[in-house]
Amino acid sequence: MQADSLQHFRDKHVAIVHDWLVVNGGAEKVLHGLAVAFPQAEIFTLVNFMQEGSAPWLNKHRIHTSMLQRLPLARRFYRHYLPLMPYAIEQFDLRGFDLVISSSHAVAKGVITHPGQRHICYCHTPMRYAWDMKEAYLQEANFRLPGMESYVRKTLKRLRQWDCFTATQVDHFLANSHNVARRIAKYYRREADVLYPPVDIEGFALYEGPREDYFLAASRLVPYKRLDIIVQAFTQDPRKRPLKVVGDGPEFKRLARLAAGHDHIELLGYLEGGALQTLMQRASAFVFAADEDFGILPLEAQACGTPVIAYGKGGALETVKGEEHGASATGLHFAEQTSASLLHALAHFETLTFNPRTCRHHAEAFSHHQFWQQLDMLLFRTGFSRA
């Protein structure tokens, strides 16, 4: 894996600021792309509890953590220190760096930079639990202690104020999708260039062989991914189409209860990349019900040649080409985030045909190579000198 298009920036002192290193998820795939682009970069993050061996590329970089790393029970409850995160991120000393890139979906963009430095924020999203998902977050929290909800609401209000102020200190925003660029304009009143996250296209092989009779869903099993909609749809399916669900997380037990008694639904837990790729390659379709900022898994499925049935909102509108694209379609969108809408889409899907090579070709537009080329162009456009 190389990023030769950015070779001329290798003599610059670069700091990459990332919210936290806990799991190797979508934000970390972007961090990986940035780390390859700038092998000389030092990484600053609130906490680093990444499981050993899960991200070996991190070993090539010096990693700085904040005061939160040393607080009691931080490994398990780092999110509970949210009120301290703005203070912690501001304590990093970034003097001596020419370029600061914050990889931010929470507080990383709030790092303090100085005159003569350029701060570019790669924004995965303005923090959704403080903005558009605030009420859903509070509802899911189901606070039982008196006064706790009032305290959290006041904390989130202060966090939004800090979030807006720190947005004024960023020199240039890059958004991971047009979906997020609109959110940046809404909450920060700032324009953002779109730079899609890098997808490991080379790590997923195109499969043009016969498809097997099952549908696949995969993600971290957390509430906002809405795997419950997918499982409910397949429990209600009169044709009992087989469904395989890959992933682990706090929703696993609830999903298992929903699927109980339905032998055509399998919850497989976490699977390593090779096993997941094999399932992707042979599935009739990949099913995706989340309202995501971007969403990398649907593109990995398309890299395998597998079409996607996705909820028609958010990043999926940019990563999945619906049937309105005719012969270049790579899947279809269902209109409502409900099991009934998904069931209707499943029936309609079986009346359509999709070309595996077309799916693969679409996914290739999101490769690492494309990411680095566009990053190089955008850095130059924002005034950061190649010299």
Protein backbone atom coordinates (compact mmCIF):
# COMPACT_ATOMS: atom_id res chain seq x y z
CA MET A 1 0.00 0.00 0.00
CA GLN A 2 1.53 3.32 -1.09
CA ALA A 3 0.57 6.98 -1.28
CA ASP A 4 3.11 8.25 -3.81
CA SER A 5 0.92 11.21 -4.77
CA LEU A 6 1.69 12.74 -1.35
CA GLN A 7 5.45 12.14 -1.48
CA HIS A 8 6.12 15.89 -1.68
CA PHE A 9 4.64 16.40 1.80
CA ARG A 10 6.97 13.90 3.48
CA ASP A 11 9.36 16.58 4.76
CA LYS A 12 6.56 18.32 6.66
CA HIS A 13 5.96 17.85 10.39
CA VAL A 14 2.48 16.36 10.60
CA ALA A 15 0.25 15.66 13.59
CA ILE A 16 -2.91 13.55 13.24
CA VAL A 17 -5.45 14.01 16.04
CA HIS A 18 -8.00 11.21 16.43
CA ASP A 19 -10.81 11.06 19.00
CA TRP A 20 -9.98 7.69 20.55
CA LEU A 21 -8.44 4.35 19.63
CA VAL A 22 -10.62 1.55 20.98
CA VAL A 23 -11.83 -0.55 18.03
CA ASN A 24 -10.65 -0.76 14.43
CA GLY A 25 -13.84 0.65 12.90
CA GLY A 26 -14.72 2.97 10.03
CA ALA A 27 -13.06 6.09 11.48
CA GLU A 28 -9.90 4.06 12.07
CA LYS A 29 -9.86 3.01 8.41
CA VAL A 30 -9.65 6.69 7.52
CA LEU A 31 -6.93 7.14 10.13
CA HIS A 32 -5.06 4.26 8.50
CA GLY A 33 -5.32 5.99 5.12
CA LEU A 34 -3.98 9.22 6.62
CA ALA A 35 -1.20 7.38 8.45
CA VAL A 36 -0.03 5.74 5.21
CA ALA A 37 -0.19 9.10 3.43
CA PHE A 38 1.98 10.67 6.15
CA PRO A 39 4.30 7.95 7.52
CA GLN A 40 6.20 10.60 9.46
CA ALA A 41 3.09 11.73 11.36
CA GLU A 42 2.67 11.54 15.13
CA ILE A 43 -0.78 10.52 16.36
CA PHE A 44 -2.58 12.24 19.25
CA THR A 45 -5.65 10.59 20.77
CA LEU A 46 -7.64 10.82 24.00
CA VAL A 47 -7.17 7.13 24.86
CA ASN A 48 -5.50 4.17 23.20
CA PHE A 49 -7.03 0.86 24.21
CA MET A 50 -6.74 -0.78 20.79
CA GLN A 51 -6.46 -4.54 21.14
CA GLU A 52 -2.93 -5.69 20.42
CA GLY A 53 -2.54 -6.87 16.84
CA SER A 54 -5.84 -5.39 15.59
CA ALA A 55 -4.12 -2.41 13.93
CA PRO A 56 -0.43 -3.25 13.41
CA TRP A 57 0.03 -0.16 11.19
CA LEU A 58 -0.18 1.97 14.36
CA ASN A 59 3.16 0.57 15.51
CA LYS A 60 4.94 2.70 12.91
CA HIS A 61 3.80 5.94 14.55
CA ARG A 62 4.49 7.65 17.84
CA ILE A 63 1.18 7.80 19.73
CA HIS A 64 0.38 10.41 22.40
CA THR A 65 -2.56 9.93 24.76
CA SER A 66 -4.31 12.38 27.07
CA MET A 67 -4.91 12.51 30.81
CA LEU A 68 -8.05 10.38 30.27
CA GLN A 69 -5.83 7.34 29.60
CA ARG A 70 -4.86 7.28 33.28
CA LEU A 71 -8.27 7.85 34.86
CA PRO A 72 -10.06 5.03 36.76
CA LEU A 73 -11.96 2.50 34.61
CA ALA A 74 -11.17 4.50 31.46
CA ARG A 75 -10.69 1.36 29.38
CA ARG A 76 -14.31 0.33 29.84
CA PHE A 77 -16.04 3.64 30.54
CA TYR A 78 -14.05 6.19 28.55
CA ARG A 79 -17.28 7.58 27.06
CA HIS A 80 -18.45 8.50 30.58
CA TYR A 81 -15.66 11.06 30.68
CA LEU A 82 -17.35 13.06 27.91
CA PRO A 83 -17.56 16.26 30.03
CA LEU A 84 -13.75 16.18 30.39
CA MET A 85 -12.97 15.50 26.73
CA PRO A 86 -12.88 19.14 25.54
CA TYR A 87 -10.42 20.01 28.30
CA ALA A 88 -8.33 16.90 27.58
CA ILE A 89 -8.07 17.51 23.82
CA GLU A 90 -6.97 21.09 24.41
CA GLN A 91 -4.00 19.98 26.50
CA PHE A 92 -2.07 18.51 23.57
CA ASP A 93 0.98 20.60 22.69
CA LEU A 94 1.19 20.73 18.90
CA ARG A 95 3.91 23.36 18.58
CA GLY A 96 6.48 22.37 15.96
CA PHE A 97 4.01 20.77 13.52
CA ASP A 98 3.41 22.32 10.10
CA LEU A 99 0.15 20.50 9.40
CA VAL A 100 -2.46 19.29 11.89
CA ILE A 101 -5.14 16.91 10.59
CA SER A 102 -7.95 16.13 13.01
CA SER A 103 -9.95 12.97 12.33
CA SER A 104 -13.06 13.95 14.23
CA HIS A 105 -16.50 12.60 15.03
CA ALA A 106 -16.47 13.96 18.58
CA VAL A 107 -13.87 16.39 19.97
CA ALA A 108 -10.64 15.95 17.97
CA LYS A 109 -11.21 19.11 15.94
CA GLY A 110 -11.08 21.12 19.19
CA VAL A 111 -7.32 20.72 19.44
CA ILE A 112 -5.54 24.08 19.76
CA THR A 113 -3.31 25.14 16.87
CA HIS A 114 -1.13 28.21 16.43
CA PRO A 115 -0.40 30.90 13.80
CA GLY A 116 1.67 29.47 10.99
CA GLN A 117 0.10 26.03 11.33
CA ARG A 118 -2.66 24.73 9.09
CA HIS A 119 -5.47 22.75 10.72
CA ILE A 120 -7.54 20.59 8.40
CA CYS A 121 -10.42 18.69 9.94
CA TYR A 122 -11.52 15.44 8.32
CA CYS A 123 -15.02 15.38 9.77
CA HIS A 124 -16.76 12.00 9.99
CA THR A 125 -19.76 13.88 11.42
CA PRO A 126 -20.52 16.64 13.89
CA MET A 127 -21.02 14.70 17.12
CA ARG A 128 -24.42 13.18 16.57
CA TYR A 129 -25.31 12.54 20.23
CA ALA A 130 -25.00 16.29 20.85
CA TRP A 131 -26.85 17.39 17.71
CA ASP A 132 -29.32 15.47 15.54
CA MET A 133 -29.36 12.26 17.61
CA LYS A 134 -29.59 14.02 20.98
CA GLU A 135 -33.17 12.99 21.82
CA ALA A 136 -32.64 9.39 20.69
CA TYR A 137 -29.47 9.22 22.81
CA LEU A 138 -31.31 10.53 25.88
CA GLN A 139 -34.19 8.12 25.34
CA GLU A 140 -31.87 5.11 25.03
CA ALA A 141 -29.95 6.18 28.15
CA ASN A 142 -33.17 5.78 30.20
CA PHE A 143 -31.80 7.69 33.20
CA ARG A 144 -33.12 6.45 36.54
CA LEU A 145 -31.28 8.70 38.98
CA PRO A 146 -33.19 11.92 39.81
CA GLY A 147 -31.68 14.93 38.08
CA MET A 148 -29.39 12.88 35.83
CA GLU A 149 -31.22 13.67 32.60
CA SER A 150 -31.21 17.39 33.43
CA TYR A 151 -27.46 17.23 34.11
CA VAL A 152 -26.77 15.43 30.82
CA ARG A 153 -28.89 17.93 28.86
CA LYS A 154 -26.91 20.82 30.35
CA THR A 155 -23.65 19.02 29.58
CA LEU A 156 -24.69 18.47 25.96
CA LYS A 157 -25.68 22.14 25.65
CA ARG A 158 -22.23 23.24 26.84
CA LEU A 159 -20.67 20.71 24.49
CA ARG A 160 -22.61 22.11 21.52
CA GLN A 161 -21.44 25.62 22.38
CA TRP A 162 -17.82 24.44 22.58
CA ASP A 163 -18.27 22.45 19.38
CA CYS A 164 -19.48 25.51 17.47
CA PHE A 165 -16.65 27.68 18.78
CA THR A 166 -13.93 25.18 17.91
CA ALA A 167 -15.34 24.88 14.37
CA THR A 168 -14.28 28.51 13.84
CA GLN A 169 -10.67 27.55 14.60
CA VAL A 170 -10.44 24.96 11.81
CA ASP A 171 -8.80 26.28 8.63
CA HIS A 172 -10.55 23.86 6.29
CA PHE A 173 -13.13 21.10 6.61
CA LEU A 174 -13.15 17.85 4.67
CA ALA A 175 -16.37 15.83 4.98
CA ASN A 176 -16.61 12.09 4.46
CA SER A 177 -19.77 12.51 2.32
CA HIS A 178 -22.13 15.13 0.94
CA ASN A 179 -24.48 13.96 3.69
CA VAL A 180 -21.99 15.10 6.35
CA ALA A 181 -21.06 18.26 4.41
CA ARG A 182 -24.70 19.34 4.71
CA ARG A 183 -24.58 18.70 8.44
CA ILE A 184 -21.40 20.77 8.78
CA ALA A 185 -23.11 23.63 6.95
CA LYS A 186 -26.17 23.30 9.21
CA TYR A 187 -24.42 23.22 12.58
CA TYR A 188 -21.11 25.02 11.97
CA ARG A 189 -22.06 27.36 9.11
CA ARG A 190 -18.91 26.23 7.30
CA GLU A 191 -18.36 24.83 3.82
CA ALA A 192 -16.61 21.49 3.42
CA ASP A 193 -15.02 19.66 0.53
CA VAL A 194 -16.06 16.02 0.23
CA LEU A 195 -13.35 13.37 0.48
CA TYR A 196 -14.82 9.89 0.61
CA PRO A 197 -13.15 7.46 3.07
CA PRO A 198 -10.73 4.93 1.60
CA VAL A 199 -12.10 1.44 1.11
CA ASP A 200 -9.76 -1.55 0.97
CA ILE A 201 -10.91 -2.58 -2.50
CA GLU A 202 -7.78 -4.67 -3.04
CA GLY A 203 -8.64 -6.70 0.06
CA PHE A 204 -11.95 -7.89 -1.42
CA ALA A 205 -12.00 -10.15 -4.45
CA LEU A 206 -14.65 -9.95 -7.14
CA TYR A 207 -16.75 -13.13 -7.26
CA GLU A 208 -18.75 -13.81 -10.40
CA GLY A 209 -19.83 -17.33 -9.55
CA PRO A 210 -23.34 -18.45 -8.61
CA ARG A 211 -24.97 -16.81 -5.62
CA GLU A 212 -26.28 -18.83 -2.70
CA ASP A 213 -29.78 -18.52 -1.34
CA TYR A 214 -29.20 -16.21 1.65
CA PHE A 215 -29.02 -12.52 2.49
CA LEU A 216 -26.25 -11.04 4.61
CA ALA A 217 -26.17 -8.26 7.22
CA ALA A 218 -23.03 -7.27 9.11
CA SER A 219 -21.97 -4.49 11.47
CA ARG A 220 -21.25 -3.72 15.07
CA LEU A 221 -24.42 -4.71 16.91
CA VAL A 222 -25.34 -1.33 18.39
CA PRO A 223 -28.80 0.28 18.37
CA TYR A 224 -28.35 2.92 15.65
CA LYS A 225 -27.24 0.30 13.10
CA ARG A 226 -30.87 -0.94 13.19
CA LEU A 227 -30.15 -4.63 12.77
CA ASP A 228 -33.44 -5.12 14.63
CA ILE A 229 -35.34 -3.89 11.55
CA ILE A 230 -33.55 -6.44 9.39
CA VAL A 231 -34.14 -9.34 11.78
CA GLN A 232 -37.81 -8.38 12.26
CA ALA A 233 -38.34 -8.20 8.51
CA PHE A 234 -36.98 -11.70 8.01
CA THR A 235 -39.03 -13.09 10.93
CA GLN A 236 -42.15 -11.70 9.18
CA ASP A 237 -41.12 -12.96 5.75
CA PRO A 238 -43.71 -15.52 4.55
CA ARG A 239 -41.10 -16.99 2.17
CA LYS A 240 -38.59 -17.47 5.03
CA ARG A 241 -35.65 -16.18 3.03
CA PRO A 242 -32.44 -17.16 4.83
CA LEU A 243 -30.59 -14.39 6.67
CA LYS A 244 -27.07 -14.47 8.14
CA VAL A 245 -26.08 -11.74 10.62
CA VAL A 246 -22.39 -11.13 11.34
CA GLY A 247 -21.19 -9.00 14.23
CA ASP A 248 -21.04 -8.64 17.97
CA GLY A 249 -22.03 -5.96 20.43
CA PRO A 250 -24.59 -4.96 23.07
CA GLU A 251 -27.54 -5.71 20.76
CA PHE A 252 -26.60 -9.37 20.25
CA LYS A 253 -28.86 -10.81 22.97
CA ARG A 254 -31.85 -8.72 21.92
CA LEU A 255 -31.43 -9.73 18.29
CA ALA A 256 -31.11 -13.37 19.35
CA ARG A 257 -34.44 -13.08 21.17
CA LEU A 258 -36.06 -11.55 18.08
CA ALA A 259 -34.71 -14.38 15.92
CA ALA A 260 -35.64 -17.16 18.36
CA GLY A 261 -37.76 -19.86 16.72
CA HIS A 262 -36.85 -18.78 13.19
CA ASP A 263 -34.41 -21.36 11.90
CA HIS A 264 -33.81 -19.46 8.67
CA ILE A 265 -32.07 -16.64 10.62
CA GLU A 266 -28.51 -17.20 11.87
CA LEU A 267 -26.58 -14.91 14.21
CA LEU A 268 -22.95 -15.81 13.58
CA GLY A 269 -21.23 -13.37 15.95
CA TYR A 270 -17.91 -11.79 15.05
CA LEU A 271 -16.05 -13.28 12.09
CA GLU A 272 -12.54 -12.56 10.85
CA GLY A 273 -12.19 -10.73 7.53
CA GLY A 274 -11.64 -13.81 5.37
CA ALA A 275 -14.76 -15.58 6.60
CA LEU A 276 -16.84 -12.40 6.24
CA GLN A 277 -15.54 -11.87 2.71
CA THR A 278 -16.56 -15.41 1.71
CA LEU A 279 -20.08 -14.76 2.99
CA MET A 280 -20.19 -11.44 1.12
CA GLN A 281 -19.07 -13.03 -2.11
CA ARG A 282 -21.79 -15.66 -2.15
CA ALA A 283 -24.74 -13.75 -0.68
CA SER A 284 -27.72 -12.86 -2.84
CA ALA A 285 -27.45 -9.31 -1.45
CA PHE A 286 -26.01 -7.34 1.46
CA VAL A 287 -28.74 -5.72 3.60
CA PHE A 288 -28.10 -2.39 5.32
CA ALA A 289 -30.69 -0.54 7.44
CA ALA A 290 -28.66 2.20 9.17
CA ASP A 291 -28.85 5.93 8.55
CA GLU A 292 -25.06 6.22 8.30
CA ASP A 293 -22.81 9.20 7.78
CA PHE A 294 -21.09 7.19 5.03
CA GLY A 295 -20.95 3.41 5.55
CA ILE A 296 -18.01 1.33 4.35
CA LEU A 297 -19.47 -2.19 4.58
CA PRO A 298 -21.89 -1.74 1.63
CA LEU A 299 -18.91 -0.76 -0.53
CA GLU A 300 -16.91 -3.78 0.63
CA ALA A 301 -19.86 -5.95 -0.41
CA GLN A 302 -19.97 -4.26 -3.82
CA ALA A 303 -16.21 -4.79 -4.18
CA CYS A 304 -17.06 -8.51 -3.98
CA GLY A 305 -19.63 -8.02 -6.76
CA THR A 306 -22.59 -8.25 -4.37
CA PRO A 307 -25.54 -5.86 -4.74
CA VAL A 308 -26.87 -3.96 -1.72
CA ILE A 309 -30.37 -3.39 -0.35
CA ALA A 310 -30.02 -0.23 1.74
CA TYR A 311 -32.18 2.25 3.63
CA GLY A 312 -32.48 5.22 1.29
CA LYS A 313 -31.09 7.92 3.52
CA GLY A 314 -27.70 9.23 4.57
CA GLY A 315 -24.48 7.88 3.13
CA ALA A 316 -26.16 4.93 1.38
CA LEU A 317 -27.54 7.36 -1.20
CA GLU A 318 -23.93 8.05 -2.21
CA THR A 319 -22.46 4.56 -1.89
CA VAL A 320 -25.26 2.48 -3.47
CA LYS A 321 -26.53 3.27 -6.97
CA GLY A 322 -30.24 2.54 -7.01
CA GLU A 323 -32.35 1.10 -9.80
CA GLU A 324 -32.93 4.59 -11.25
CA HIS A 325 -29.37 4.25 -12.61
CA GLY A 326 -30.51 1.48 -14.95
CA ALA A 327 -27.75 -0.85 -16.12
CA SER A 328 -25.21 0.81 -13.81
CA ALA A 329 -27.30 0.12 -10.67
CA THR A 330 -25.56 -1.66 -7.80
CA GLY A 331 -28.59 -2.22 -5.57
CA LEU A 332 -31.80 -0.60 -4.44
CA HIS A 333 -33.01 1.63 -1.61
CA PHE A 334 -36.02 1.09 0.61
CA ALA A 335 -37.92 4.23 1.54
CA GLU A 336 -38.71 3.84 5.24
CA GLN A 337 -36.66 2.55 8.15
CA THR A 338 -39.22 -0.18 8.89
CA SER A 339 -39.42 -3.93 8.51
CA ALA A 340 -42.44 -3.56 6.19
CA SER A 341 -40.51 -1.30 3.82
CA LEU A 342 -37.57 -3.71 3.81
CA LEU A 343 -39.85 -6.69 3.11
CA HIS A 344 -41.26 -4.85 0.11
CA ALA A 345 -37.70 -4.17 -1.10
CA LEU A 346 -36.75 -7.84 -0.74
CA ALA A 347 -39.65 -8.88 -2.96
CA HIS A 348 -38.79 -6.20 -5.52
CA PHE A 349 -35.09 -7.11 -5.47
CA GLU A 350 -35.87 -10.59 -6.76
CA THR A 351 -37.41 -9.10 -9.91
CA LEU A 352 -34.12 -7.33 -10.78
CA THR A 353 -30.70 -8.42 -11.99
CA PHE A 354 -27.33 -6.88 -11.13
CA ASN A 355 -23.95 -7.27 -12.78
CA PRO A 356 -21.15 -8.19 -10.32
CA ARG A 357 -18.59 -6.31 -12.45
CA THR A 358 -20.74 -3.18 -12.32
CA CYS A 359 -20.84 -3.41 -8.52
CA ARG A 360 -17.07 -3.85 -8.41
CA HIS A 361 -16.44 -0.96 -10.79
CA HIS A 362 -18.53 1.37 -8.63
CA ALA A 363 -16.67 0.35 -5.47
CA GLU A 364 -13.30 1.04 -7.12
CA ALA A 365 -14.13 4.77 -7.17
CA PHE A 366 -13.64 4.67 -3.38
CA SER A 367 -10.20 3.02 -3.32
CA HIS A 368 -7.16 4.06 -1.29
CA HIS A 369 -5.55 5.34 -4.48
CA GLN A 370 -8.50 7.64 -5.16
CA PHE A 371 -8.44 8.83 -1.52
CA TRP A 372 -4.75 9.78 -1.67
CA GLN A 373 -5.01 11.48 -5.05
CA GLN A 374 -7.95 13.61 -3.93
CA LEU A 375 -6.31 14.38 -0.57
CA ASP A 376 -3.22 15.64 -2.42
CA MET A 377 -5.37 17.87 -4.64
CA LEU A 378 -7.41 19.22 -1.70
CA LEU A 379 -4.32 20.00 0.39
CA PHE A 380 -2.93 22.03 -2.48
CA ARG A 381 -6.27 23.79 -3.00
CA THR A 382 -6.51 24.75 0.68
CA GLY A 383 -3.18 26.55 0.43
CA PHE A 384 -0.89 24.03 2.08
CA SER A 385 2.32 24.26 0.07
CA ARG A 386 3.97 21.25 -1.51
CA ALA A 387 7.32 23.02 -1.36
